[in-house]
Amino acid sequence: MTKRILSILLLTAATVVSVWAGPVDRQRAEAAAVAQIKGVTGKSRTVKQVQAVDDAFYVVNLAPQGWVMVSADDKVDPVIGYSATGALSMSAIPDNMAYMLDSYKKLVKLGTDEEMSPRTRQWESVGKEMSRASGAAVEPLIKVKWNQPTPFNKYCPGEGDNKALVGCVAVAMSQAMSVQAYPSRPTGSVKYTPVGYGQLSINFDEERAYNWDDILSGANTYDEAARLMWHAGMSVKMGYGPDGSGIPSNEVNRISNALRDNFGYGDEVTYVWKDAYQGDWERLVLNELNAGRAVIYNAVDTKLSAGHSFNVDGYDGNSGYHVNWGWGGNGDGYFRLDNLRDSPYYFDDYHVIVIGIGAPDRLLRSIGLSGTVIEEGLPAGSTVATVTVNGEAPTSGMTFELRGLYNAGTDSYAEAPFVIENGMLKTTRTLSCSADGVIAVDITVTDNASGESLTQGFSIEVQPWRSIAEATSMSFNRTTGEFLLKTKHNVSYTLKSAAGTVIASGALDPLPQLQFNRSQLADGVNVLELRCNTEVKTITITK
């Protein structure tokens, strides 16, 4: 999109040495950088070059390679970002990264101006928590480092000084597709008139098939890669320009629509707004990475009406997510996904990701749970959710493994008080809200015939006792006419017509949910009665 951007990605305090509040000197920053990369690689490296940036942070380049950005104040987290490879020059960083760092400068100033406590634990433990995190790590999925200017904009409109840039959206889309080496060819057609270039049109059905070997290798001066990025730009009706190409920041649906309609990806491709997502945001991203799918991450600065698309394609096992900025590899490294903390600047109002970018012919694409909130006090063996694979019930040819969250410090997995039996998630002991809270689990499914496996993570919340009124919700699908009611365990139901005729009744077992169709209802007012011991809840439904 435009060249000034927001991407609020701060790496979790991985960490330093020494304990006092206030400015961090160069020596302390160097020690933090060396400790961080040693924790990641297990190898000692020496300091090659240090650059102080506006009293906000240090860029420490190491020998023989690698770099770390270290905060210049110990009231904020020590490690901003890092890479175990390459070098970083502040004169060549991507514009989106520059904006992120400008936001970080404001955070450091806030910490200096206000009474904030030093982050002692984080600064004392830089690199230590990284040493055995490999059990959960995902190596960067994207193997290319594409950019926006020549030679990548070969097929973009304009000539000379008016030659349009590729656009970060097209780069991010193309790099995500490069992981799958899919599709074999695009389909459909596009015609529109961007400002400054006249009418543009393309019939994808007349385009030759992609040569993915050439795309991935960069053969012929990236000619085939440039063609893919041109197709991606056209598919979203890119607003082209010589200084920046993009789409409206509130129309991310253009990306998901194009991937499905023009590039043959399945219905799993969708976009998710962070502020509307009810689950664990990082788990959502990590599940995509575990499934071998790169994520298109879009971050918008509402004050400047500017945004940027980039890729998240890896995980270091300790809250650091690998970001490929789409800038020829410049600035690529590990950062944290959550927004700036302790800050009045709310930059994450418009974070939205495009997920599900996987070749549709893959055998295992997703694992799902029908619910991730359960009530406390249920006896061992209670069914709390159904398990699906690719949106359907698992087959007999699939094997499941369930385990708790990986602990890098102990190189072990936490207890997971659940088991999967016949496609159902069941408890293995009585759970308590106060003792168990939110339980993180990983579920791995393996297709026995092919040996292919997929791991997805879930956060299951144990909630305190709730009344039927508090626990019950019902949704209606206008397309299918299906009602879906969810409530607490040990509930029975009776559905009656206005005349008192019983339409359906029974116990909501093993799962406390009820599905029925509008066609089953009698004309007029229908009454659904729920009972649990002495509790009664009545719902009226008019047909």
Protein backbone atom coordinates (compact mmCIF):
# COMPACT_ATOMS: atom_id res chain seq x y z
CA MET A 1 0.00 0.00 0.00
CA THR A 2 1.28 3.51 0.71
CA LYS A 3 4.86 3.81 1.74
CA ARG A 4 4.22 5.12 5.25
CA ILE A 5 2.85 2.42 7.41
CA LEU A 6 2.02 1.04 10.74
CA SER A 7 2.91 -2.40 11.82
CA ILE A 8 3.06 -2.50 15.55
CA LEU A 9 5.17 -5.51 16.12
CA LEU A 10 7.28 -5.55 19.21
CA LEU A 11 9.21 -8.62 20.13
CA THR A 12 8.51 -9.89 23.61
CA ALA A 13 11.07 -9.02 26.05
CA ALA A 14 13.31 -11.83 25.48
CA THR A 15 15.71 -9.81 27.68
CA VAL A 16 19.30 -8.31 29.86
CA VAL A 17 21.63 -8.17 32.74
CA SER A 18 21.71 -5.70 35.63
CA VAL A 19 18.92 -4.01 37.47
CA TRP A 20 18.37 -0.27 37.58
CA ALA A 21 15.76 2.02 36.12
CA GLY A 22 16.69 4.47 33.42
CA PRO A 23 18.76 4.81 30.26
CA VAL A 24 20.65 1.82 28.91
CA ASP A 25 24.23 2.52 27.90
CA ARG A 26 26.00 1.08 24.89
CA GLN A 27 27.85 -1.60 26.86
CA ARG A 28 24.63 -2.93 28.36
CA ALA A 29 22.94 -2.94 24.96
CA GLU A 30 25.83 -4.90 23.45
CA ALA A 31 25.59 -7.49 26.23
CA ALA A 32 21.86 -7.87 25.63
CA ALA A 33 22.35 -8.34 21.88
CA VAL A 34 25.05 -10.98 22.31
CA ALA A 35 22.94 -12.83 24.89
CA GLN A 36 19.86 -12.79 22.65
CA ILE A 37 21.58 -14.28 19.60
CA LYS A 38 23.44 -16.84 21.71
CA GLY A 39 20.10 -17.91 23.15
CA VAL A 40 18.72 -18.33 19.65
CA THR A 41 21.69 -20.01 17.95
CA GLY A 42 23.64 -21.50 20.85
CA LYS A 43 26.75 -19.78 19.47
CA SER A 44 28.70 -16.80 20.74
CA ARG A 45 29.07 -13.81 18.44
CA THR A 46 30.98 -10.59 18.73
CA VAL A 47 29.81 -7.03 18.28
CA LYS A 48 30.64 -5.61 14.86
CA GLN A 49 28.86 -2.26 14.87
CA VAL A 50 26.49 -0.30 17.11
CA GLN A 51 24.24 2.58 16.10
CA ALA A 52 22.28 4.61 18.64
CA VAL A 53 18.97 5.89 17.25
CA ASP A 54 17.46 9.02 18.84
CA ASP A 55 18.10 7.88 22.42
CA ALA A 56 15.36 5.29 21.84
CA PHE A 57 17.17 2.11 20.85
CA TYR A 58 20.42 0.63 19.60
CA VAL A 59 20.95 -1.35 16.40
CA VAL A 60 23.66 -3.89 17.20
CA ASN A 61 25.15 -5.73 14.22
CA LEU A 62 27.09 -8.86 15.11
CA ALA A 63 29.92 -10.82 13.50
CA PRO A 64 29.86 -12.93 11.46
CA GLN A 65 26.15 -12.12 11.03
CA GLY A 66 22.95 -11.21 12.80
CA TRP A 67 21.46 -8.09 14.37
CA VAL A 68 19.45 -7.09 17.42
CA MET A 69 17.48 -3.93 18.19
CA VAL A 70 17.85 -3.16 21.90
CA SER A 71 15.85 -0.59 23.85
CA ALA A 72 17.73 2.40 25.24
CA ASP A 73 15.62 2.46 28.42
CA ASP A 74 15.00 -0.40 30.84
CA LYS A 75 11.45 0.71 31.58
CA VAL A 76 10.40 -1.00 28.37
CA ASP A 77 11.12 -4.47 27.02
CA PRO A 78 14.74 -4.98 26.01
CA VAL A 79 14.59 -6.70 22.61
CA ILE A 80 12.56 -4.95 19.94
CA GLY A 81 13.46 -7.32 17.11
CA TYR A 82 16.25 -9.56 15.93
CA SER A 83 17.61 -11.78 13.20
CA ALA A 84 20.31 -14.41 13.47
CA THR A 85 21.32 -13.72 9.86
CA GLY A 86 22.26 -10.71 7.78
CA ALA A 87 22.89 -7.16 8.91
CA LEU A 88 20.65 -4.15 9.43
CA SER A 89 21.29 -0.64 8.19
CA MET A 90 18.94 2.09 9.36
CA SER A 91 19.41 3.83 6.02
CA ALA A 92 17.89 0.88 4.14
CA ILE A 93 15.00 -0.32 6.30
CA PRO A 94 11.49 -0.68 4.85
CA ASP A 95 9.15 2.26 5.32
CA ASN A 96 6.71 0.14 7.32
CA MET A 97 9.46 -0.89 9.68
CA ALA A 98 10.54 2.75 9.99
CA TYR A 99 7.06 3.70 11.09
CA MET A 100 7.01 0.90 13.64
CA LEU A 101 10.29 2.14 15.07
CA ASP A 102 8.98 5.69 15.20
CA SER A 103 6.12 4.40 17.31
CA TYR A 104 8.62 2.65 19.54
CA LYS A 105 10.46 5.93 20.08
CA LYS A 106 7.22 7.38 21.45
CA LEU A 107 6.94 4.45 23.84
CA VAL A 108 10.46 5.00 25.15
CA LYS A 109 9.72 8.69 25.63
CA LEU A 110 6.58 7.75 27.54
CA GLY A 111 8.61 5.47 29.80
CA THR A 112 11.13 8.25 30.41
CA ASP A 113 8.52 10.91 31.13
CA GLU A 114 6.22 8.85 33.35
CA GLU A 115 6.71 6.81 36.50
CA MET A 116 7.13 3.32 35.11
CA SER A 117 8.91 0.47 36.84
CA PRO A 118 11.90 -1.14 35.13
CA ARG A 119 11.19 -4.49 33.51
CA THR A 120 13.70 -6.20 35.74
CA ARG A 121 12.88 -9.84 35.00
CA GLN A 122 12.96 -9.31 31.23
CA TRP A 123 16.27 -7.47 31.32
CA GLU A 124 17.86 -10.10 33.54
CA SER A 125 16.86 -13.01 31.34
CA VAL A 126 17.65 -11.92 27.79
CA GLY A 127 18.16 -14.98 25.64
CA LYS A 128 17.73 -17.49 28.45
CA GLU A 129 14.16 -18.45 27.58
CA MET A 130 15.14 -18.97 23.95
CA SER A 131 17.61 -21.76 24.50
CA ARG A 132 15.21 -24.70 24.29
CA ALA A 133 12.21 -23.34 22.47
CA SER A 134 12.76 -25.40 19.33
CA GLY A 135 9.95 -27.79 20.19
CA ALA A 136 7.41 -25.14 19.18
CA ALA A 137 9.36 -23.27 16.53
CA VAL A 138 8.31 -22.91 12.88
CA GLU A 139 11.08 -22.06 10.44
CA PRO A 140 10.22 -19.21 8.03
CA LEU A 141 7.96 -20.64 5.34
CA ILE A 142 8.65 -18.05 2.66
CA LYS A 143 11.92 -18.73 0.84
CA VAL A 144 11.82 -15.70 -1.48
CA LYS A 145 12.67 -12.08 -0.76
CA TRP A 146 10.74 -10.07 -3.30
CA ASN A 147 10.43 -6.31 -3.58
CA GLN A 148 8.34 -3.61 -5.29
CA PRO A 149 10.60 -1.73 -7.77
CA THR A 150 12.49 -3.07 -10.79
CA PRO A 151 12.71 -5.88 -11.84
CA PHE A 152 9.59 -6.92 -9.92
CA ASN A 153 7.40 -4.17 -11.42
CA LYS A 154 8.21 -5.14 -15.01
CA TYR A 155 4.55 -5.71 -15.95
CA CYS A 156 3.09 -2.85 -13.90
CA PRO A 157 1.67 0.15 -15.80
CA GLY A 158 3.60 3.28 -16.70
CA GLU A 159 6.99 4.12 -18.13
CA GLY A 160 10.06 5.94 -16.86
CA ASP A 161 9.37 8.13 -13.83
CA ASN A 162 5.70 7.11 -13.95
CA LYS A 163 6.45 3.38 -13.69
CA ALA A 164 4.22 2.02 -10.93
CA LEU A 165 5.50 0.03 -7.97
CA VAL A 166 4.18 -3.49 -7.41
CA GLY A 167 2.36 -2.60 -4.17
CA CYS A 168 2.80 -4.31 -0.83
CA VAL A 169 -0.53 -6.13 -1.15
CA ALA A 170 0.59 -7.85 -4.37
CA VAL A 171 3.97 -8.75 -2.84
CA ALA A 172 2.35 -10.22 0.28
CA MET A 173 -0.20 -12.19 -1.76
CA SER A 174 2.45 -13.55 -4.12
CA GLN A 175 4.87 -14.49 -1.36
CA ALA A 176 2.09 -16.37 0.46
CA MET A 177 1.26 -18.24 -2.75
CA SER A 178 4.94 -19.05 -3.26
CA VAL A 179 4.83 -21.26 -0.16
CA GLN A 180 2.18 -23.42 -1.82
CA ALA A 181 3.53 -23.16 -5.41
CA TYR A 182 -0.14 -22.86 -6.31
CA PRO A 183 -2.12 -22.32 -8.53
CA SER A 184 -1.00 -23.76 -11.84
CA ARG A 185 -2.68 -20.81 -13.58
CA PRO A 186 -5.07 -17.93 -12.74
CA THR A 187 -8.70 -17.75 -13.89
CA GLY A 188 -11.31 -15.09 -14.61
CA SER A 189 -10.88 -11.54 -15.88
CA VAL A 190 -10.51 -8.01 -14.49
CA LYS A 191 -11.14 -4.57 -16.00
CA TYR A 192 -10.90 -1.22 -14.20
CA THR A 193 -9.44 2.29 -14.49
CA PRO A 194 -6.89 3.31 -11.84
CA VAL A 195 -6.08 6.99 -11.41
CA GLY A 196 -3.28 8.12 -13.71
CA TYR A 197 -3.02 5.07 -15.97
CA GLY A 198 -6.18 4.73 -18.01
CA GLN A 199 -8.16 1.53 -18.33
CA LEU A 200 -6.40 -1.72 -17.41
CA SER A 201 -7.73 -5.15 -18.25
CA ILE A 202 -6.57 -8.75 -18.23
CA ASN A 203 -8.14 -12.09 -19.13
CA PHE A 204 -6.47 -14.56 -16.81
CA ASP A 205 -7.91 -17.49 -18.77
CA GLU A 206 -5.72 -16.48 -21.71
CA GLU A 207 -2.55 -16.29 -19.61
CA ARG A 208 -0.04 -19.11 -19.86
CA ALA A 209 0.41 -21.48 -16.92
CA TYR A 210 2.85 -20.52 -14.18
CA ASN A 211 6.34 -21.99 -14.12
CA TRP A 212 6.82 -22.31 -10.37
CA ASP A 213 10.43 -23.43 -10.69
CA ASP A 214 11.23 -20.15 -12.43
CA ILE A 215 9.11 -18.16 -9.99
CA LEU A 216 10.91 -19.53 -6.95
CA SER A 217 14.39 -19.42 -8.45
CA GLY A 218 14.08 -15.89 -9.84
CA ALA A 219 15.04 -17.08 -13.32
CA ASN A 220 15.23 -14.60 -16.19
CA THR A 221 15.66 -11.63 -13.86
CA TYR A 222 12.52 -12.53 -11.91
CA ASP A 223 10.35 -12.33 -15.03
CA GLU A 224 7.91 -15.05 -13.94
CA ALA A 225 7.77 -13.72 -10.37
CA ALA A 226 7.01 -10.26 -11.75
CA ARG A 227 4.17 -11.71 -13.81
CA LEU A 228 2.68 -13.37 -10.72
CA MET A 229 2.83 -10.09 -8.80
CA TRP A 230 1.24 -8.24 -11.72
CA HIS A 231 -1.60 -10.76 -11.70
CA ALA A 232 -2.00 -10.33 -7.94
CA GLY A 233 -2.17 -6.56 -8.30
CA MET A 234 -4.72 -6.71 -11.07
CA SER A 235 -6.87 -9.20 -9.15
CA VAL A 236 -7.40 -6.68 -6.31
CA LYS A 237 -7.77 -3.71 -8.69
CA MET A 238 -4.62 -2.10 -7.38
CA GLY A 239 -4.44 1.66 -7.24
CA TYR A 240 -1.08 2.01 -9.00
CA GLY A 241 1.43 4.80 -8.57
CA PRO A 242 5.19 5.47 -8.96
CA ASP A 243 5.56 6.32 -5.26
CA GLY A 244 3.26 3.67 -3.86
CA SER A 245 0.55 1.26 -4.98
CA GLY A 246 -2.27 -0.02 -2.82
CA ILE A 247 -5.93 -0.69 -2.12
CA PRO A 248 -8.28 1.06 0.34
CA SER A 249 -7.24 0.06 3.85
CA ASN A 250 -10.80 -0.97 4.77
CA GLU A 251 -11.20 -3.31 1.79
CA VAL A 252 -9.02 -6.25 2.78
CA ASN A 253 -11.81 -8.48 1.45
CA ARG A 254 -10.38 -7.75 -2.01
CA ILE A 255 -7.42 -9.95 -1.09
CA SER A 256 -9.41 -12.95 0.14
CA ASN A 257 -11.89 -12.66 -2.75
CA ALA A 258 -9.08 -12.61 -5.32
CA LEU A 259 -7.30 -15.60 -3.81
CA ARG A 260 -10.52 -17.61 -4.04
CA ASP A 261 -11.92 -16.29 -7.32
CA ASN A 262 -8.79 -15.80 -9.43
CA PHE A 263 -6.20 -18.11 -7.89
CA GLY A 264 -8.24 -21.19 -7.00
CA TYR A 265 -7.82 -21.21 -3.22
CA GLY A 266 -10.63 -22.72 -1.13
CA ASP A 267 -13.28 -21.31 1.14
CA GLU A 268 -10.83 -21.56 4.05
CA VAL A 269 -9.32 -18.30 2.78
CA THR A 270 -10.86 -15.55 4.85
CA TYR A 271 -9.97 -12.33 6.62
CA VAL A 272 -10.20 -11.75 10.37
CA TRP A 273 -10.24 -8.39 12.18
CA LYS A 274 -8.33 -8.41 15.44
CA ASP A 275 -10.77 -6.18 17.31
CA ALA A 276 -13.68 -8.48 16.39
CA TYR A 277 -11.93 -11.79 17.07
CA GLN A 278 -13.06 -13.47 20.28
CA GLY A 279 -10.27 -16.04 20.54
CA ASP A 280 -6.51 -16.01 21.09
CA TRP A 281 -5.05 -13.87 18.29
CA GLU A 282 -1.54 -15.33 18.45
CA ARG A 283 -2.93 -18.88 18.51
CA LEU A 284 -4.86 -18.10 15.34
CA VAL A 285 -1.68 -16.96 13.59
CA LEU A 286 0.42 -19.81 14.97
CA ASN A 287 -2.13 -22.39 13.82
CA GLU A 288 -1.72 -21.08 10.28
CA LEU A 289 2.05 -21.41 10.50
CA ASN A 290 1.80 -24.93 11.92
CA ALA A 291 -0.41 -25.79 8.95
CA GLY A 292 2.32 -24.61 6.59
CA ARG A 293 0.48 -21.46 5.53
CA ALA A 294 1.96 -17.97 5.49
CA VAL A 295 -0.27 -15.19 6.81
CA ILE A 296 -0.96 -11.86 5.11
CA TYR A 297 -0.91 -9.31 7.92
CA ASN A 298 -2.40 -5.87 7.39
CA ALA A 299 -1.87 -3.01 9.83
CA VAL A 300 -3.50 0.38 9.43
CA ASP A 301 -2.64 3.77 10.88
CA THR A 302 -6.00 5.51 11.17
CA LYS A 303 -4.44 8.94 11.76
CA LEU A 304 -2.62 8.86 8.43
CA SER A 305 -5.17 6.68 6.65
CA ALA A 306 -2.18 4.57 5.64
CA GLY A 307 -1.60 0.87 5.81
CA HIS A 308 0.74 -1.89 4.84
CA SER A 309 0.54 -5.57 4.01
CA PHE A 310 3.36 -7.94 4.87
CA ASN A 311 3.81 -11.61 5.70
CA VAL A 312 4.11 -13.43 9.00
CA ASP A 313 5.66 -16.78 8.16
CA GLY A 314 7.59 -18.21 11.12
CA TYR A 315 7.80 -18.54 14.91
CA ASP A 316 10.81 -18.78 17.22
CA GLY A 317 9.02 -20.75 19.94
CA ASN A 318 9.13 -17.85 22.40
CA SER A 319 6.59 -15.23 21.23
CA GLY A 320 8.74 -13.96 18.36
CA TYR A 321 7.05 -14.16 14.94
CA HIS A 322 9.07 -13.95 11.74
CA VAL A 323 8.08 -11.00 9.58
CA ASN A 324 8.90 -10.77 5.88
CA TRP A 325 8.32 -7.12 5.09
CA GLY A 326 8.30 -7.64 1.31
CA TRP A 327 11.26 -5.31 0.90
CA GLY A 328 13.88 -7.57 -0.60
CA GLY A 329 14.77 -9.08 2.77
CA ASN A 330 15.61 -5.76 4.41
CA GLY A 331 14.51 -5.76 8.04
CA ASP A 332 13.16 -9.31 7.98
CA GLY A 333 13.36 -10.74 11.47
CA TYR A 334 11.46 -11.80 14.57
CA PHE A 335 9.00 -9.45 16.25
CA ARG A 336 6.07 -9.74 18.61
CA LEU A 337 2.51 -9.50 17.34
CA ASP A 338 0.87 -7.62 20.17
CA ASN A 339 0.63 -3.87 20.16
CA LEU A 340 2.74 -1.42 22.10
CA ARG A 341 2.11 -1.75 25.82
CA ASP A 342 1.99 1.03 28.42
CA SER A 343 1.18 3.42 25.60
CA PRO A 344 -1.67 5.83 24.86
CA TYR A 345 -1.16 5.28 21.13
CA TYR A 346 -3.68 2.70 20.01
CA PHE A 347 -2.13 1.56 16.77
CA ASP A 348 -3.78 -1.86 16.67
CA ASP A 349 -7.32 -0.60 16.04
CA TYR A 350 -7.15 -1.96 12.52
CA HIS A 351 -5.12 -5.13 12.45
CA VAL A 352 -6.57 -7.69 10.05
CA ILE A 353 -5.11 -10.91 8.70
CA VAL A 354 -5.86 -13.08 5.69
CA ILE A 355 -5.62 -16.78 6.58
CA GLY A 356 -6.27 -20.17 4.99
CA ILE A 357 -3.86 -19.63 2.08
CA GLY A 358 -3.15 -23.30 1.43
CA ALA A 359 -3.37 -25.40 -1.72
CA PRO A 360 -6.87 -26.95 -1.67
CA ASP A 361 -5.54 -30.39 -2.60
CA ARG A 362 -3.72 -30.73 0.72
CA LEU A 363 -5.00 -33.68 2.74
CA LEU A 364 -5.05 -32.02 6.17
CA ARG A 365 -5.95 -28.34 6.24
CA SER A 366 -7.54 -27.56 9.59
CA ILE A 367 -8.59 -28.89 12.99
CA GLY A 368 -11.63 -27.44 14.72
CA LEU A 369 -13.33 -27.60 18.11
CA SER A 370 -17.06 -26.91 18.43
CA GLY A 371 -16.39 -24.93 21.59
CA THR A 372 -13.52 -23.72 23.75
CA VAL A 373 -15.45 -22.59 26.85
CA ILE A 374 -16.49 -25.20 29.43
CA GLU A 375 -18.04 -25.04 32.87
CA GLU A 376 -16.19 -26.01 36.02
CA GLY A 377 -17.12 -29.00 38.15
CA LEU A 378 -17.95 -31.43 35.34
CA PRO A 379 -16.97 -35.01 36.23
CA ALA A 380 -14.13 -36.79 34.46
CA GLY A 381 -15.26 -38.22 31.15
CA SER A 382 -17.57 -35.32 30.29
CA THR A 383 -17.79 -34.48 26.58
CA VAL A 384 -17.01 -30.80 26.09
CA ALA A 385 -16.54 -30.41 22.31
CA THR A 386 -16.61 -32.17 18.97
CA VAL A 387 -13.41 -32.36 16.94
CA THR A 388 -13.44 -31.77 13.19
CA VAL A 389 -10.79 -32.10 10.48
CA ASN A 390 -11.18 -29.93 7.40
CA GLY A 391 -14.59 -28.92 8.79
CA GLU A 392 -15.88 -32.51 8.88
CA ALA A 393 -16.00 -35.41 11.33
CA PRO A 394 -12.66 -37.27 11.45
CA THR A 395 -12.41 -40.63 9.72
CA SER A 396 -11.30 -43.94 11.20
CA GLY A 397 -8.04 -43.56 9.29
CA MET A 398 -6.93 -40.65 11.46
CA THR A 399 -5.00 -40.73 14.72
CA PHE A 400 -5.02 -37.93 17.31
CA GLU A 401 -2.47 -36.81 19.88
CA LEU A 402 -3.27 -34.15 22.49
CA ARG A 403 -0.74 -32.48 24.77
CA GLY A 404 -0.30 -29.36 26.87
CA LEU A 405 1.73 -26.29 26.04
CA TYR A 406 5.45 -26.76 25.47
CA ASN A 407 7.64 -25.35 28.25
CA ALA A 408 11.01 -24.26 26.90
CA GLY A 409 12.47 -23.93 30.38
CA THR A 410 11.85 -27.57 31.32
CA ASP A 411 11.85 -29.01 27.79
CA SER A 412 8.53 -30.70 28.56
CA TYR A 413 4.82 -30.36 27.99
CA ALA A 414 2.25 -29.22 30.53
CA GLU A 415 -0.57 -31.51 31.61
CA ALA A 416 -3.53 -31.60 29.25
CA PRO A 417 -6.61 -32.82 31.18
CA PHE A 418 -8.41 -33.94 28.03
CA VAL A 419 -8.57 -36.90 25.69
CA ILE A 420 -10.03 -37.34 22.20
CA GLU A 421 -12.32 -40.35 21.74
CA ASN A 422 -14.47 -41.02 18.68
CA GLY A 423 -14.21 -37.44 17.51
CA MET A 424 -15.12 -36.02 20.93
CA LEU A 425 -13.01 -33.98 23.35
CA LYS A 426 -13.51 -35.29 26.89
CA THR A 427 -12.20 -34.29 30.31
CA THR A 428 -9.91 -36.62 32.27
CA ARG A 429 -10.53 -34.96 35.65
CA THR A 430 -12.79 -32.42 37.31
CA LEU A 431 -11.73 -28.91 36.31
CA SER A 432 -11.83 -25.76 38.41
CA CYS A 433 -12.00 -22.16 37.21
CA SER A 434 -9.65 -20.93 39.94
CA ALA A 435 -7.12 -23.76 39.62
CA ASP A 436 -7.16 -24.32 35.86
CA GLY A 437 -8.32 -21.05 34.28
CA VAL A 438 -7.32 -21.12 30.61
CA ILE A 439 -5.72 -24.37 29.44
CA ALA A 440 -3.55 -24.30 26.31
CA VAL A 441 -3.49 -27.53 24.31
CA ASP A 442 -2.03 -28.71 21.01
CA ILE A 443 -3.93 -31.26 18.94
CA THR A 444 -2.10 -33.25 16.26
CA VAL A 445 -3.97 -35.30 13.68
CA THR A 446 -2.17 -37.83 11.49
CA ASP A 447 -3.52 -39.46 8.36
CA ASN A 448 -2.44 -43.06 8.83
CA ALA A 449 -2.26 -43.90 5.14
CA SER A 450 -0.04 -41.03 4.02
CA GLY A 451 1.71 -40.21 7.29
CA GLU A 452 0.82 -36.53 6.82
CA SER A 453 0.15 -34.70 10.09
CA LEU A 454 -1.15 -31.33 11.23
CA THR A 455 -0.90 -29.59 14.61
CA GLN A 456 -3.23 -26.82 15.80
CA GLY A 457 -3.36 -25.07 19.17
CA PHE A 458 -6.38 -24.09 21.25
CA SER A 459 -7.00 -22.15 24.46
CA ILE A 460 -9.80 -23.76 26.49
CA GLU A 461 -11.35 -21.58 29.18
CA VAL A 462 -12.83 -23.10 32.34
CA GLN A 463 -15.62 -20.82 33.54
CA PRO A 464 -17.36 -20.65 36.94
CA TRP A 465 -20.90 -21.92 37.45
CA ARG A 466 -23.50 -20.07 35.39
CA SER A 467 -27.27 -20.18 35.35
CA ILE A 468 -29.15 -21.43 32.30
CA ALA A 469 -29.97 -17.83 31.43
CA GLU A 470 -26.28 -16.84 31.52
CA ALA A 471 -25.02 -19.92 29.69
CA THR A 472 -27.58 -20.10 26.88
CA SER A 473 -27.23 -18.56 23.43
CA MET A 474 -28.96 -19.26 20.14
CA SER A 475 -28.07 -18.37 16.56
CA PHE A 476 -30.03 -18.61 13.32
CA ASN A 477 -28.68 -19.19 9.81
CA ARG A 478 -31.00 -17.39 7.40
CA THR A 479 -29.58 -19.29 4.43
CA THR A 480 -30.13 -22.82 5.76
CA GLY A 481 -32.92 -22.10 8.24
CA GLU A 482 -30.94 -23.84 10.99
CA PHE A 483 -31.12 -22.83 14.65
CA LEU A 484 -28.18 -23.67 16.93
CA LEU A 485 -28.65 -23.45 20.70
CA LYS A 486 -25.75 -23.77 23.13
CA THR A 487 -26.14 -23.99 26.89
CA LYS A 488 -24.69 -25.71 29.99
CA HIS A 489 -24.44 -29.43 30.73
CA ASN A 490 -27.20 -31.55 32.30
CA VAL A 491 -30.01 -29.72 30.52
CA SER A 492 -33.16 -31.28 29.06
CA TYR A 493 -35.44 -29.57 26.57
CA THR A 494 -38.99 -29.59 25.24
CA LEU A 495 -40.04 -27.81 22.05
CA LYS A 496 -43.80 -27.20 21.78
CA SER A 497 -46.17 -25.51 19.39
CA ALA A 498 -48.57 -22.79 20.54
CA ALA A 499 -51.23 -25.50 20.90
CA GLY A 500 -49.01 -27.43 23.30
CA THR A 501 -48.06 -30.17 20.85
CA VAL A 502 -44.58 -31.54 21.57
CA ILE A 503 -42.42 -31.13 18.49
CA ALA A 504 -39.23 -32.55 20.05
CA SER A 505 -37.82 -33.28 23.50
CA GLY A 506 -34.92 -35.00 25.20
CA ALA A 507 -31.63 -34.52 27.04
CA LEU A 508 -28.85 -32.38 25.59
CA ASP A 509 -26.23 -35.07 25.75
CA PRO A 510 -23.32 -35.60 25.34
CA LEU A 511 -22.90 -31.95 24.28
CA PRO A 512 -25.16 -29.24 25.67
CA GLN A 513 -26.37 -28.00 22.31
CA LEU A 514 -29.43 -28.39 20.12
CA GLN A 515 -29.77 -27.96 16.37
CA PHE A 516 -33.11 -27.82 14.58
CA ASN A 517 -34.57 -26.35 11.40
CA ARG A 518 -37.21 -23.69 10.96
CA SER A 519 -39.23 -26.17 8.89
CA GLN A 520 -39.78 -28.27 12.04
CA LEU A 521 -41.62 -25.42 13.77
CA ALA A 522 -45.37 -24.95 13.78
CA ASP A 523 -46.86 -21.75 12.42
CA GLY A 524 -47.22 -19.05 15.05
CA VAL A 525 -45.48 -18.99 18.42
CA ASN A 526 -43.32 -21.97 19.44
CA VAL A 527 -41.95 -22.45 22.95
CA LEU A 528 -38.57 -24.00 23.77
CA GLU A 529 -38.25 -24.90 27.45
CA LEU A 530 -34.88 -25.74 29.03
CA ARG A 531 -34.56 -27.42 32.45
CA CYS A 532 -31.58 -28.11 34.73
CA ASN A 533 -32.57 -29.33 38.19
CA THR A 534 -34.75 -26.49 39.51
CA GLU A 535 -33.73 -24.00 36.84
CA VAL A 536 -36.06 -23.28 33.92
CA LYS A 537 -35.54 -21.05 30.88
CA THR A 538 -38.16 -20.42 28.22
CA ILE A 539 -37.47 -19.17 24.69
CA THR A 540 -40.26 -18.20 22.28
CA ILE A 541 -39.74 -18.59 18.53
CA THR A 542 -42.24 -17.19 16.05
CA LYS A 543 -42.60 -18.72 12.60
